[in-house]
Structure formats: C-alpha cells, structure tokens
Amino acid sequence: MVAVRVAPSQRPANGATVVRPIILIGFMGSGKTAVGRRLAAALACEHVDLDRWIEARVGPLLPFVRSNGEEAFRSLEREALIEVLVPGQRVVSLGGGTPCSFDNMAKALAAGTVVFIDAPLIELQERLLKKGRDRPLLFGLDDERLRDRVAALLAQRLPVYRRAHLIVDGSGDPAAITQRILHALGPDQLR
C-alpha cells in the first residue's frame, strides 16, 4: 500500500478550505461517504455523494440496477458525474465503480484533486459482510462468494484507483482516514 507522506509545513492550517473539488474514490465500503462528510465539515465546504445524487433522481439504487441493469446505471452515473464535477469548494464522494467506467477517471483527475482511500482487502470484506449485502454488485451473495467477488472487483479496479493524485491509507475509522487526507492535502489544494 502506498501512503502519502507530507511535510508538516504543507499541512492545512485552521480555517483552510479547498481551492477545487476534492474527489474521493475507493472500493465500496472504504468509507468515502463518511469520510467525505467529515472532510467537508473540516474544510467548511459542501459534500456531494454521487450515489445519493443519483438516488434523488431514480430512487434506491438496488431496485434501479436490478430493473435496468448495470450498464444503464453506469450511463446515468456518468451524466451525474459531469453535473457534480463543477469548479468550486466541495468534496465529492464517488461510487466504487465510477472511476472505472467510460472516461470518468480522466474527468475526475481534470476537475479536482482525486484522493484514493486505499482500504485493505480484509477490512473491505469484513465491512461489506456486515453492511454491504444491499449493494447491487453484492446482492444475494453468501459469505464466500461475497469475499471472492470483492477480491476480484478490487483487483480489477486497483489500476484505475492508483491513478489518483493522492493515495491514503484507508484502514481504521473515518475520523482517522479524514485526518490522513487533511495531512496529505498540500497548498495547491487548499487556501
């Protein structure tokens, strides 16, 4: 795992806020939503969760994906991504598969500072066994198949995730992950 190390002189001072969007990526269960809310509060800016943005339009994601398919969801997700990646002071939490579809990662990299929350596989599996069975790509899987599916999807997505501007250790709780991101953000991302 790659951890970002930043000199103390580059750490944000109290009252710092973002210059352009901070875009959180990572596998499902990595904490993007919880960390995004905390990070936005710390930086006194808006938080946008892409999945919630989409749900506001189509309702719960699981029934939508089951009725319309993953391809229809990914198209809708791409449209929503374009809408939320506007200049401004905000933290945006993307869905786990968002950066891996179409040219979404390139769009995110161009629009803001992309931060990959790199949670260990075993932590992701445990988190998703407890609270992830309602996710469209994991729905209906028994424990063993869920673990296998998570491992396979993560392996497939890691090369895209690793293109992020910053990679932070995603182990532990959202408060610790948020602090790691705040310490990793440099003067070009904050003012």
N, C-alpha and C. Protein backbone atom coordinates (compact mmCIF):
# COMPACT_ATOMS: atom_id res chain seq x y z
N MET A 1 0.84 -1.17 0.00
CA MET A 1 0.00 0.00 0.00
C MET A 1 0.88 1.23 0.00
N VAL A 2 0.52 2.21 -0.78
CA VAL A 2 1.25 3.46 -0.85
C VAL A 2 0.62 4.44 0.12
N ALA A 3 1.40 5.03 0.97
CA ALA A 3 0.89 6.04 1.88
C ALA A 3 1.53 7.37 1.52
N VAL A 4 0.77 8.41 1.55
CA VAL A 4 1.27 9.73 1.22
C VAL A 4 1.92 10.31 2.47
N ARG A 5 3.11 10.82 2.31
CA ARG A 5 3.81 11.49 3.39
C ARG A 5 3.97 12.96 2.98
N VAL A 6 3.54 13.85 3.86
CA VAL A 6 3.59 15.27 3.56
C VAL A 6 4.29 15.97 4.72
N ALA A 7 5.17 16.88 4.39
CA ALA A 7 5.89 17.64 5.42
C ALA A 7 4.92 18.45 6.25
N PRO A 8 5.19 18.61 7.55
CA PRO A 8 4.28 19.38 8.41
C PRO A 8 4.01 20.78 7.88
N SER A 9 4.96 21.40 7.21
CA SER A 9 4.76 22.76 6.70
C SER A 9 3.71 22.82 5.60
N GLN A 10 3.37 21.67 5.01
CA GLN A 10 2.38 21.63 3.94
C GLN A 10 0.98 21.30 4.46
N ARG A 11 0.85 21.03 5.73
CA ARG A 11 -0.45 20.64 6.28
C ARG A 11 -1.36 21.86 6.37
N PRO A 12 -2.66 21.64 6.18
CA PRO A 12 -3.58 22.77 6.21
C PRO A 12 -3.66 23.42 7.59
N ALA A 13 -3.70 24.71 7.59
CA ALA A 13 -3.87 25.45 8.84
C ALA A 13 -5.36 25.51 9.16
N ASN A 14 -5.69 25.83 10.38
CA ASN A 14 -7.10 26.01 10.74
C ASN A 14 -7.73 27.05 9.83
N GLY A 15 -8.94 26.78 9.41
CA GLY A 15 -9.63 27.71 8.54
C GLY A 15 -9.35 27.48 7.07
N ALA A 16 -8.52 26.49 6.73
CA ALA A 16 -8.23 26.22 5.32
C ALA A 16 -9.48 25.68 4.63
N THR A 17 -9.60 25.97 3.36
CA THR A 17 -10.69 25.42 2.58
C THR A 17 -10.14 25.00 1.21
N VAL A 18 -10.94 24.29 0.47
CA VAL A 18 -10.46 23.73 -0.80
C VAL A 18 -10.47 24.77 -1.91
N VAL A 19 -9.52 24.63 -2.84
CA VAL A 19 -9.44 25.51 -4.00
C VAL A 19 -10.30 24.96 -5.12
N ARG A 20 -10.22 23.65 -5.37
CA ARG A 20 -11.05 22.98 -6.36
C ARG A 20 -11.58 21.71 -5.72
N PRO A 21 -12.52 21.06 -6.34
CA PRO A 21 -13.13 19.89 -5.68
C PRO A 21 -12.11 18.84 -5.25
N ILE A 22 -12.37 18.25 -4.10
CA ILE A 22 -11.64 17.07 -3.65
C ILE A 22 -12.56 15.90 -3.94
N ILE A 23 -12.07 14.94 -4.70
CA ILE A 23 -12.89 13.83 -5.19
C ILE A 23 -12.37 12.55 -4.55
N LEU A 24 -13.22 11.93 -3.74
CA LEU A 24 -12.84 10.70 -3.04
C LEU A 24 -13.23 9.49 -3.86
N ILE A 25 -12.27 8.59 -4.06
CA ILE A 25 -12.53 7.34 -4.75
C ILE A 25 -12.05 6.19 -3.88
N GLY A 26 -12.51 5.01 -4.19
CA GLY A 26 -12.09 3.81 -3.47
C GLY A 26 -13.17 2.76 -3.61
N PHE A 27 -12.86 1.58 -3.15
CA PHE A 27 -13.78 0.47 -3.28
C PHE A 27 -14.99 0.68 -2.37
N MET A 28 -16.10 0.03 -2.69
CA MET A 28 -17.27 0.11 -1.81
C MET A 28 -16.86 -0.36 -0.42
N GLY A 29 -17.35 0.37 0.58
CA GLY A 29 -17.01 0.03 1.95
C GLY A 29 -15.73 0.68 2.45
N SER A 30 -15.08 1.48 1.60
CA SER A 30 -13.82 2.12 2.03
C SER A 30 -14.06 3.34 2.91
N GLY A 31 -15.29 3.82 2.96
CA GLY A 31 -15.61 4.95 3.83
C GLY A 31 -15.73 6.28 3.13
N LYS A 32 -15.90 6.26 1.81
CA LYS A 32 -15.93 7.52 1.04
C LYS A 32 -17.02 8.48 1.52
N THR A 33 -18.20 7.97 1.82
CA THR A 33 -19.29 8.84 2.24
C THR A 33 -19.04 9.41 3.63
N ALA A 34 -18.71 8.56 4.60
CA ALA A 34 -18.47 9.02 5.97
C ALA A 34 -17.27 9.97 6.02
N VAL A 35 -16.21 9.62 5.31
CA VAL A 35 -15.03 10.48 5.27
C VAL A 35 -15.36 11.78 4.54
N GLY A 36 -16.10 11.70 3.46
CA GLY A 36 -16.48 12.89 2.70
C GLY A 36 -17.23 13.89 3.55
N ARG A 37 -18.17 13.40 4.35
CA ARG A 37 -18.92 14.31 5.23
C ARG A 37 -17.99 14.97 6.24
N ARG A 38 -17.11 14.20 6.84
CA ARG A 38 -16.18 14.74 7.84
C ARG A 38 -15.20 15.73 7.20
N LEU A 39 -14.70 15.36 6.05
CA LEU A 39 -13.73 16.22 5.36
C LEU A 39 -14.37 17.55 4.97
N ALA A 40 -15.59 17.49 4.44
CA ALA A 40 -16.29 18.72 4.06
C ALA A 40 -16.54 19.61 5.28
N ALA A 41 -16.90 19.00 6.40
CA ALA A 41 -17.12 19.78 7.62
C ALA A 41 -15.82 20.44 8.08
N ALA A 42 -14.72 19.70 8.01
CA ALA A 42 -13.42 20.24 8.43
C ALA A 42 -12.97 21.39 7.53
N LEU A 43 -13.36 21.32 6.26
CA LEU A 43 -12.95 22.35 5.29
C LEU A 43 -14.03 23.38 5.02
N ALA A 44 -15.13 23.30 5.77
CA ALA A 44 -16.24 24.25 5.65
C ALA A 44 -16.71 24.38 4.21
N CYS A 45 -17.00 23.23 3.59
CA CYS A 45 -17.49 23.25 2.22
C CYS A 45 -18.58 22.19 2.06
N GLU A 46 -19.17 22.16 0.90
CA GLU A 46 -20.26 21.25 0.57
C GLU A 46 -19.74 19.82 0.36
N HIS A 47 -20.56 18.84 0.73
CA HIS A 47 -20.26 17.45 0.41
C HIS A 47 -21.33 16.93 -0.53
N VAL A 48 -20.90 16.29 -1.62
CA VAL A 48 -21.83 15.67 -2.57
C VAL A 48 -21.47 14.19 -2.67
N ASP A 49 -22.44 13.34 -2.40
CA ASP A 49 -22.26 11.90 -2.56
C ASP A 49 -22.94 11.52 -3.87
N LEU A 50 -22.18 11.02 -4.83
CA LEU A 50 -22.72 10.75 -6.16
C LEU A 50 -23.87 9.75 -6.13
N ASP A 51 -23.75 8.70 -5.32
CA ASP A 51 -24.85 7.73 -5.25
C ASP A 51 -26.13 8.36 -4.71
N ARG A 52 -26.01 9.21 -3.69
CA ARG A 52 -27.20 9.89 -3.15
C ARG A 52 -27.77 10.85 -4.18
N TRP A 53 -26.90 11.50 -4.95
CA TRP A 53 -27.32 12.42 -6.02
C TRP A 53 -28.19 11.65 -7.03
N ILE A 54 -27.73 10.47 -7.39
CA ILE A 54 -28.47 9.64 -8.35
C ILE A 54 -29.76 9.14 -7.72
N GLU A 55 -29.71 8.70 -6.47
CA GLU A 55 -30.92 8.22 -5.79
C GLU A 55 -31.99 9.29 -5.71
N ALA A 56 -31.59 10.54 -5.60
CA ALA A 56 -32.57 11.63 -5.56
C ALA A 56 -33.37 11.70 -6.86
N ARG A 57 -32.81 11.16 -7.93
CA ARG A 57 -33.48 11.18 -9.23
C ARG A 57 -34.24 9.89 -9.55
N VAL A 58 -33.66 8.74 -9.16
CA VAL A 58 -34.25 7.47 -9.59
C VAL A 58 -34.74 6.59 -8.45
N GLY A 59 -34.51 7.01 -7.21
CA GLY A 59 -34.87 6.18 -6.07
C GLY A 59 -33.73 5.24 -5.69
N PRO A 60 -34.00 4.30 -4.81
CA PRO A 60 -32.94 3.39 -4.34
C PRO A 60 -32.22 2.69 -5.50
N LEU A 61 -30.90 2.56 -5.36
CA LEU A 61 -30.08 2.03 -6.45
C LEU A 61 -30.29 0.55 -6.72
N LEU A 62 -30.47 -0.25 -5.67
CA LEU A 62 -30.61 -1.69 -5.90
C LEU A 62 -31.78 -2.02 -6.82
N PRO A 63 -32.99 -1.51 -6.55
CA PRO A 63 -34.09 -1.80 -7.49
C PRO A 63 -33.84 -1.24 -8.88
N PHE A 64 -33.21 -0.06 -8.96
CA PHE A 64 -32.94 0.52 -10.28
C PHE A 64 -32.00 -0.38 -11.08
N VAL A 65 -30.91 -0.82 -10.45
CA VAL A 65 -29.94 -1.67 -11.15
C VAL A 65 -30.57 -3.02 -11.50
N ARG A 66 -31.34 -3.58 -10.59
CA ARG A 66 -31.98 -4.87 -10.87
C ARG A 66 -32.98 -4.76 -12.01
N SER A 67 -33.67 -3.65 -12.13
CA SER A 67 -34.67 -3.47 -13.20
C SER A 67 -34.05 -3.05 -14.52
N ASN A 68 -33.03 -2.20 -14.47
CA ASN A 68 -32.48 -1.59 -15.68
C ASN A 68 -31.11 -2.10 -16.09
N GLY A 69 -30.41 -2.77 -15.16
CA GLY A 69 -29.08 -3.30 -15.46
C GLY A 69 -27.96 -2.35 -15.09
N GLU A 70 -26.76 -2.93 -14.95
CA GLU A 70 -25.60 -2.14 -14.56
C GLU A 70 -25.22 -1.14 -15.64
N GLU A 71 -25.37 -1.51 -16.90
CA GLU A 71 -25.00 -0.60 -17.99
C GLU A 71 -25.83 0.68 -17.95
N ALA A 72 -27.13 0.55 -17.71
CA ALA A 72 -27.99 1.74 -17.61
C ALA A 72 -27.58 2.59 -16.41
N PHE A 73 -27.23 1.92 -15.31
CA PHE A 73 -26.79 2.66 -14.13
C PHE A 73 -25.50 3.41 -14.42
N ARG A 74 -24.54 2.77 -15.07
CA ARG A 74 -23.25 3.42 -15.36
C ARG A 74 -23.44 4.63 -16.28
N SER A 75 -24.37 4.56 -17.21
CA SER A 75 -24.65 5.71 -18.08
C SER A 75 -25.23 6.86 -17.27
N LEU A 76 -26.17 6.55 -16.41
CA LEU A 76 -26.77 7.56 -15.54
C LEU A 76 -25.71 8.15 -14.60
N GLU A 77 -24.86 7.29 -14.09
CA GLU A 77 -23.79 7.70 -13.19
C GLU A 77 -22.84 8.68 -13.90
N ARG A 78 -22.53 8.40 -15.15
CA ARG A 78 -21.64 9.29 -15.93
C ARG A 78 -22.27 10.67 -16.08
N GLU A 79 -23.55 10.71 -16.40
CA GLU A 79 -24.24 12.00 -16.53
C GLU A 79 -24.21 12.77 -15.21
N ALA A 80 -24.46 12.06 -14.11
CA ALA A 80 -24.46 12.70 -12.79
C ALA A 80 -23.06 13.21 -12.45
N LEU A 81 -22.04 12.43 -12.80
CA LEU A 81 -20.66 12.84 -12.53
C LEU A 81 -20.35 14.17 -13.21
N ILE A 82 -20.74 14.30 -14.45
CA ILE A 82 -20.50 15.54 -15.20
C ILE A 82 -21.18 16.72 -14.49
N GLU A 83 -22.37 16.48 -13.95
CA GLU A 83 -23.10 17.54 -13.25
C GLU A 83 -22.42 17.97 -11.96
N VAL A 84 -21.83 17.02 -11.21
CA VAL A 84 -21.26 17.38 -9.91
C VAL A 84 -19.80 17.83 -9.98
N LEU A 85 -19.11 17.53 -11.07
CA LEU A 85 -17.70 17.93 -11.19
C LEU A 85 -17.59 19.34 -11.77
N VAL A 86 -18.11 20.26 -11.02
CA VAL A 86 -18.04 21.67 -11.41
C VAL A 86 -17.02 22.37 -10.51
N PRO A 87 -16.42 23.44 -11.01
CA PRO A 87 -15.47 24.16 -10.17
C PRO A 87 -16.14 24.64 -8.89
N GLY A 88 -15.40 24.63 -7.83
CA GLY A 88 -15.94 25.14 -6.58
C GLY A 88 -15.40 24.39 -5.39
N GLN A 89 -15.83 24.85 -4.25
CA GLN A 89 -15.37 24.31 -2.99
C GLN A 89 -16.32 23.22 -2.55
N ARG A 90 -15.92 21.98 -2.82
CA ARG A 90 -16.76 20.85 -2.44
C ARG A 90 -15.93 19.59 -2.34
N VAL A 91 -16.45 18.65 -1.57
CA VAL A 91 -15.89 17.31 -1.50
C VAL A 91 -16.91 16.41 -2.17
N VAL A 92 -16.46 15.59 -3.11
CA VAL A 92 -17.35 14.70 -3.86
C VAL A 92 -16.94 13.25 -3.59
N SER A 93 -17.87 12.44 -3.10
CA SER A 93 -17.63 11.02 -2.89
C SER A 93 -18.22 10.26 -4.07
N LEU A 94 -17.36 9.54 -4.81
CA LEU A 94 -17.83 8.77 -5.96
C LEU A 94 -18.18 7.35 -5.54
N GLY A 95 -19.00 6.69 -6.35
CA GLY A 95 -19.26 5.27 -6.15
C GLY A 95 -18.01 4.48 -6.46
N GLY A 96 -17.92 3.27 -5.92
CA GLY A 96 -16.73 2.46 -6.10
C GLY A 96 -16.36 2.16 -7.54
N GLY A 97 -17.36 2.00 -8.41
CA GLY A 97 -17.08 1.69 -9.80
C GLY A 97 -17.04 2.90 -10.72
N THR A 98 -17.39 4.06 -10.20
CA THR A 98 -17.47 5.26 -11.03
C THR A 98 -16.19 5.56 -11.81
N PRO A 99 -15.02 5.55 -11.16
CA PRO A 99 -13.82 5.92 -11.91
C PRO A 99 -13.45 4.91 -13.01
N CYS A 100 -14.01 3.72 -12.93
CA CYS A 100 -13.62 2.62 -13.84
C CYS A 100 -14.48 2.55 -15.09
N SER A 101 -15.45 3.40 -15.22
CA SER A 101 -16.35 3.38 -16.38
C SER A 101 -16.09 4.59 -17.27
N PHE A 102 -16.28 4.38 -18.57
CA PHE A 102 -16.12 5.45 -19.56
C PHE A 102 -14.78 6.17 -19.34
N ASP A 103 -14.80 7.48 -19.44
CA ASP A 103 -13.60 8.28 -19.18
C ASP A 103 -13.74 9.02 -17.86
N ASN A 104 -14.46 8.42 -16.93
CA ASN A 104 -14.77 9.08 -15.65
C ASN A 104 -13.53 9.45 -14.85
N MET A 105 -12.52 8.58 -14.84
CA MET A 105 -11.33 8.90 -14.06
C MET A 105 -10.61 10.10 -14.66
N ALA A 106 -10.51 10.15 -15.97
CA ALA A 106 -9.87 11.30 -16.61
C ALA A 106 -10.63 12.58 -16.29
N LYS A 107 -11.95 12.52 -16.31
CA LYS A 107 -12.76 13.69 -15.97
C LYS A 107 -12.51 14.12 -14.52
N ALA A 108 -12.47 13.17 -13.62
CA ALA A 108 -12.24 13.48 -12.21
C ALA A 108 -10.85 14.09 -12.01
N LEU A 109 -9.83 13.49 -12.63
CA LEU A 109 -8.46 14.00 -12.49
C LEU A 109 -8.33 15.42 -13.02
N ALA A 110 -9.06 15.74 -14.07
CA ALA A 110 -9.00 17.08 -14.64
C ALA A 110 -9.80 18.09 -13.81
N ALA A 111 -10.83 17.62 -13.11
CA ALA A 111 -11.74 18.53 -12.41
C ALA A 111 -11.30 18.91 -11.01
N GLY A 112 -10.51 18.06 -10.36
CA GLY A 112 -10.17 18.34 -8.97
C GLY A 112 -9.02 17.48 -8.50
N THR A 113 -8.86 17.42 -7.18
CA THR A 113 -7.84 16.58 -6.56
C THR A 113 -8.48 15.24 -6.21
N VAL A 114 -8.02 14.19 -6.85
CA VAL A 114 -8.59 12.86 -6.63
C VAL A 114 -7.79 12.16 -5.54
N VAL A 115 -8.51 11.68 -4.52
CA VAL A 115 -7.90 11.00 -3.38
C VAL A 115 -8.44 9.58 -3.34
N PHE A 116 -7.54 8.61 -3.43
CA PHE A 116 -7.90 7.19 -3.33
C PHE A 116 -7.78 6.76 -1.88
N ILE A 117 -8.89 6.33 -1.30
CA ILE A 117 -8.91 5.76 0.05
C ILE A 117 -8.61 4.28 -0.11
N ASP A 118 -7.39 3.90 0.19
CA ASP A 118 -6.87 2.56 -0.07
C ASP A 118 -7.04 1.67 1.16
N ALA A 119 -8.21 1.09 1.30
CA ALA A 119 -8.50 0.21 2.44
C ALA A 119 -8.01 -1.20 2.14
N PRO A 120 -7.48 -1.89 3.14
CA PRO A 120 -7.02 -3.27 2.95
C PRO A 120 -8.17 -4.21 2.59
N LEU A 121 -7.88 -5.17 1.73
CA LEU A 121 -8.90 -6.12 1.27
C LEU A 121 -9.65 -6.77 2.42
N ILE A 122 -8.96 -7.25 3.43
CA ILE A 122 -9.63 -7.94 4.53
C ILE A 122 -10.60 -7.01 5.26
N GLU A 123 -10.24 -5.74 5.41
CA GLU A 123 -11.15 -4.77 6.06
C GLU A 123 -12.37 -4.54 5.18
N LEU A 124 -12.16 -4.40 3.88
CA LEU A 124 -13.29 -4.22 2.97
C LEU A 124 -14.24 -5.40 3.04
N GLN A 125 -13.68 -6.60 3.01
CA GLN A 125 -14.52 -7.80 3.06
C GLN A 125 -15.32 -7.84 4.35
N GLU A 126 -14.68 -7.56 5.47
CA GLU A 126 -15.39 -7.59 6.76
C GLU A 126 -16.47 -6.52 6.83
N ARG A 127 -16.16 -5.31 6.39
CA ARG A 127 -17.15 -4.22 6.39
C ARG A 127 -18.35 -4.59 5.52
N LEU A 128 -18.08 -5.15 4.34
CA LEU A 128 -19.16 -5.47 3.41
C LEU A 128 -19.95 -6.69 3.83
N LEU A 129 -19.35 -7.61 4.55
CA LEU A 129 -20.11 -8.74 5.11
C LEU A 129 -21.11 -8.23 6.14
N LYS A 130 -20.72 -7.20 6.89
CA LYS A 130 -21.59 -6.64 7.92
C LYS A 130 -22.65 -5.70 7.34
N LYS A 131 -22.24 -4.84 6.40
CA LYS A 131 -23.15 -3.78 5.94
C LYS A 131 -23.09 -3.55 4.44
N GLY A 132 -22.96 -4.58 3.64
CA GLY A 132 -22.85 -4.34 2.22
C GLY A 132 -23.67 -5.23 1.33
N ARG A 133 -24.48 -6.05 1.94
CA ARG A 133 -25.22 -7.03 1.14
C ARG A 133 -26.35 -6.41 0.32
N ASP A 134 -26.67 -5.15 0.56
CA ASP A 134 -27.72 -4.47 -0.22
C ASP A 134 -27.14 -3.74 -1.43
N ARG A 135 -25.86 -3.85 -1.66
CA ARG A 135 -25.23 -3.18 -2.80
C ARG A 135 -25.48 -4.00 -4.05
N PRO A 136 -25.79 -3.33 -5.16
CA PRO A 136 -26.19 -4.06 -6.37
C PRO A 136 -25.21 -5.15 -6.83
N LEU A 137 -23.92 -4.92 -6.71
CA LEU A 137 -22.96 -5.91 -7.20
C LEU A 137 -22.68 -7.03 -6.20
N LEU A 138 -23.24 -6.92 -4.98
CA LEU A 138 -23.04 -7.94 -3.96
C LEU A 138 -24.33 -8.60 -3.51
N PHE A 139 -25.44 -8.11 -3.98
CA PHE A 139 -26.74 -8.57 -3.52
C PHE A 139 -26.90 -10.08 -3.71
N GLY A 140 -27.35 -10.75 -2.66
CA GLY A 140 -27.68 -12.16 -2.74
C GLY A 140 -26.50 -13.12 -2.63
N LEU A 141 -25.29 -12.61 -2.41
CA LEU A 141 -24.13 -13.49 -2.33
C LEU A 141 -23.95 -14.03 -0.91
N ASP A 142 -23.59 -15.32 -0.81
CA ASP A 142 -23.25 -15.86 0.51
C ASP A 142 -21.86 -15.33 0.89
N ASP A 143 -21.43 -15.61 2.11
CA ASP A 143 -20.17 -15.05 2.62
C ASP A 143 -18.98 -15.34 1.71
N GLU A 144 -18.82 -16.59 1.31
CA GLU A 144 -17.66 -16.96 0.49
C GLU A 144 -17.69 -16.28 -0.87
N ARG A 145 -18.84 -16.28 -1.50
CA ARG A 145 -18.96 -15.65 -2.82
C ARG A 145 -18.78 -14.13 -2.72
N LEU A 146 -19.25 -13.54 -1.62
CA LEU A 146 -19.06 -12.10 -1.41
C LEU A 146 -17.57 -11.78 -1.28
N ARG A 147 -16.86 -12.55 -0.47
CA ARG A 147 -15.42 -12.34 -0.30
C ARG A 147 -14.70 -12.46 -1.65
N ASP A 148 -15.05 -13.49 -2.42
CA ASP A 148 -14.42 -13.70 -3.72
C ASP A 148 -14.73 -12.56 -4.69
N ARG A 149 -15.98 -12.12 -4.68
CA ARG A 149 -16.40 -11.03 -5.58
C ARG A 149 -15.67 -9.73 -5.25
N VAL A 150 -15.56 -9.44 -3.95
CA VAL A 150 -14.85 -8.23 -3.51
C VAL A 150 -13.39 -8.31 -3.95
N ALA A 151 -12.74 -9.44 -3.73
CA ALA A 151 -11.32 -9.59 -4.11
C ALA A 151 -11.14 -9.42 -5.62
N ALA A 152 -12.02 -10.02 -6.42
CA ALA A 152 -11.90 -9.93 -7.88
C ALA A 152 -12.15 -8.51 -8.38
N LEU A 153 -13.21 -7.87 -7.88
CA LEU A 153 -13.51 -6.50 -8.30
C LEU A 153 -12.40 -5.53 -7.89
N LEU A 154 -11.90 -5.69 -6.67
CA LEU A 154 -10.83 -4.80 -6.21
C LEU A 154 -9.60 -4.95 -7.09
N ALA A 155 -9.21 -6.18 -7.39
CA ALA A 155 -8.04 -6.41 -8.25
C ALA A 155 -8.23 -5.76 -9.62
N GLN A 156 -9.44 -5.82 -10.13
CA GLN A 156 -9.76 -5.23 -11.43
C GLN A 156 -9.69 -3.70 -11.38
N ARG A 157 -10.12 -3.12 -10.28
CA ARG A 157 -10.23 -1.67 -10.17
C ARG A 157 -8.96 -0.97 -9.69
N LEU A 158 -8.08 -1.67 -9.00
CA LEU A 158 -6.90 -1.04 -8.42
C LEU A 158 -6.06 -0.24 -9.42
N PRO A 159 -5.81 -0.74 -10.62
CA PRO A 159 -5.00 0.08 -11.55
C PRO A 159 -5.62 1.45 -11.84
N VAL A 160 -6.93 1.52 -11.88
CA VAL A 160 -7.59 2.81 -12.10
C VAL A 160 -7.49 3.66 -10.84
N TYR A 161 -7.81 3.08 -9.69
CA TYR A 161 -7.74 3.83 -8.44
C TYR A 161 -6.35 4.43 -8.22
N ARG A 162 -5.33 3.69 -8.57
CA ARG A 162 -3.95 4.13 -8.31
C ARG A 162 -3.51 5.30 -9.18
N ARG A 163 -4.33 5.73 -10.11
CA ARG A 163 -4.04 6.92 -10.91
C ARG A 163 -4.37 8.20 -10.15
N ALA A 164 -4.93 8.08 -8.97
CA ALA A 164 -5.33 9.26 -8.17
C ALA A 164 -4.14 10.16 -7.89
N HIS A 165 -4.44 11.42 -7.65
CA HIS A 165 -3.39 12.38 -7.26
C HIS A 165 -2.77 12.01 -5.92
N LEU A 166 -3.61 11.58 -4.98
CA LEU A 166 -3.16 11.21 -3.64
C LEU A 166 -3.72 9.83 -3.28
N ILE A 167 -2.92 9.05 -2.59
CA ILE A 167 -3.36 7.75 -2.10
C ILE A 167 -3.15 7.77 -0.59
N VAL A 168 -4.22 7.51 0.16
CA VAL A 168 -4.11 7.50 1.61
C VAL A 168 -4.53 6.14 2.16
N ASP A 169 -3.94 5.80 3.27
CA ASP A 169 -4.25 4.55 3.96
C ASP A 169 -5.71 4.61 4.43
N GLY A 170 -6.50 3.63 4.00
CA GLY A 170 -7.92 3.60 4.34
C GLY A 170 -8.25 2.64 5.46
N SER A 171 -7.27 2.25 6.25
CA SER A 171 -7.57 1.38 7.38
C SER A 171 -8.07 2.22 8.56
N GLY A 172 -8.85 1.59 9.40
CA GLY A 172 -9.34 2.28 10.59
C GLY A 172 -10.65 2.99 10.37
N ASP A 173 -10.96 3.90 11.28
CA ASP A 173 -12.26 4.57 11.26
C ASP A 173 -12.23 5.84 10.41
N PRO A 174 -13.42 6.36 10.08
CA PRO A 174 -13.50 7.56 9.22
C PRO A 174 -12.76 8.78 9.77
N ALA A 175 -12.74 8.94 11.09
CA ALA A 175 -12.04 10.10 11.67
C ALA A 175 -10.54 10.02 11.37
N ALA A 176 -9.96 8.84 11.51
CA ALA A 176 -8.53 8.67 11.25
C ALA A 176 -8.22 8.87 9.76
N ILE A 177 -9.06 8.34 8.90
CA ILE A 177 -8.86 8.49 7.46
C ILE A 177 -8.97 9.96 7.06
N THR A 178 -9.95 10.66 7.63
CA THR A 178 -10.12 12.09 7.36
C THR A 178 -8.86 12.86 7.75
N GLN A 179 -8.30 12.56 8.90
CA GLN A 179 -7.07 13.24 9.34
C GLN A 179 -5.92 12.96 8.39
N ARG A 180 -5.82 11.73 7.88
CA ARG A 180 -4.75 11.40 6.93
C ARG A 180 -4.90 12.24 5.66
N ILE A 181 -6.13 12.40 5.20
CA ILE A 181 -6.36 13.20 3.99
C ILE A 181 -6.01 14.66 4.24
N LEU A 182 -6.45 15.20 5.36
CA LEU A 182 -6.13 16.59 5.69
C LEU A 182 -4.62 16.81 5.73
N HIS A 183 -3.89 15.85 6.26
CA HIS A 183 -2.43 15.97 6.33
C HIS A 183 -1.80 15.82 4.96
N ALA A 184 -2.43 15.09 4.06
CA ALA A 184 -1.87 14.85 2.72
C ALA A 184 -2.12 16.00 1.76
N LEU A 185 -3.18 16.76 2.01
CA LEU A 185 -3.51 17.88 1.11
C LEU A 185 -2.46 18.97 1.24
N GLY A 186 -1.98 19.42 0.10
CA GLY A 186 -0.94 20.45 0.10
C GLY A 186 -1.48 21.82 -0.21
N PRO A 187 -0.61 22.80 -0.28
CA PRO A 187 -1.02 24.19 -0.51
C PRO A 187 -1.69 24.39 -1.87
N ASP A 188 -1.41 23.52 -2.84
CA ASP A 188 -2.07 23.69 -4.13
C ASP A 188 -3.53 23.22 -4.10
N GLN A 189 -3.92 22.48 -3.07
CA GLN A 189 -5.32 22.04 -2.94
C GLN A 189 -6.11 22.88 -1.94
N LEU A 190 -5.41 23.64 -1.10
CA LEU A 190 -6.06 24.41 -0.04
C LEU A 190 -5.67 25.88 -0.13
N ARG A 191 -6.49 26.72 0.47
CA ARG A 191 -6.09 28.12 0.62
C ARG A 191 -6.51 28.60 1.98
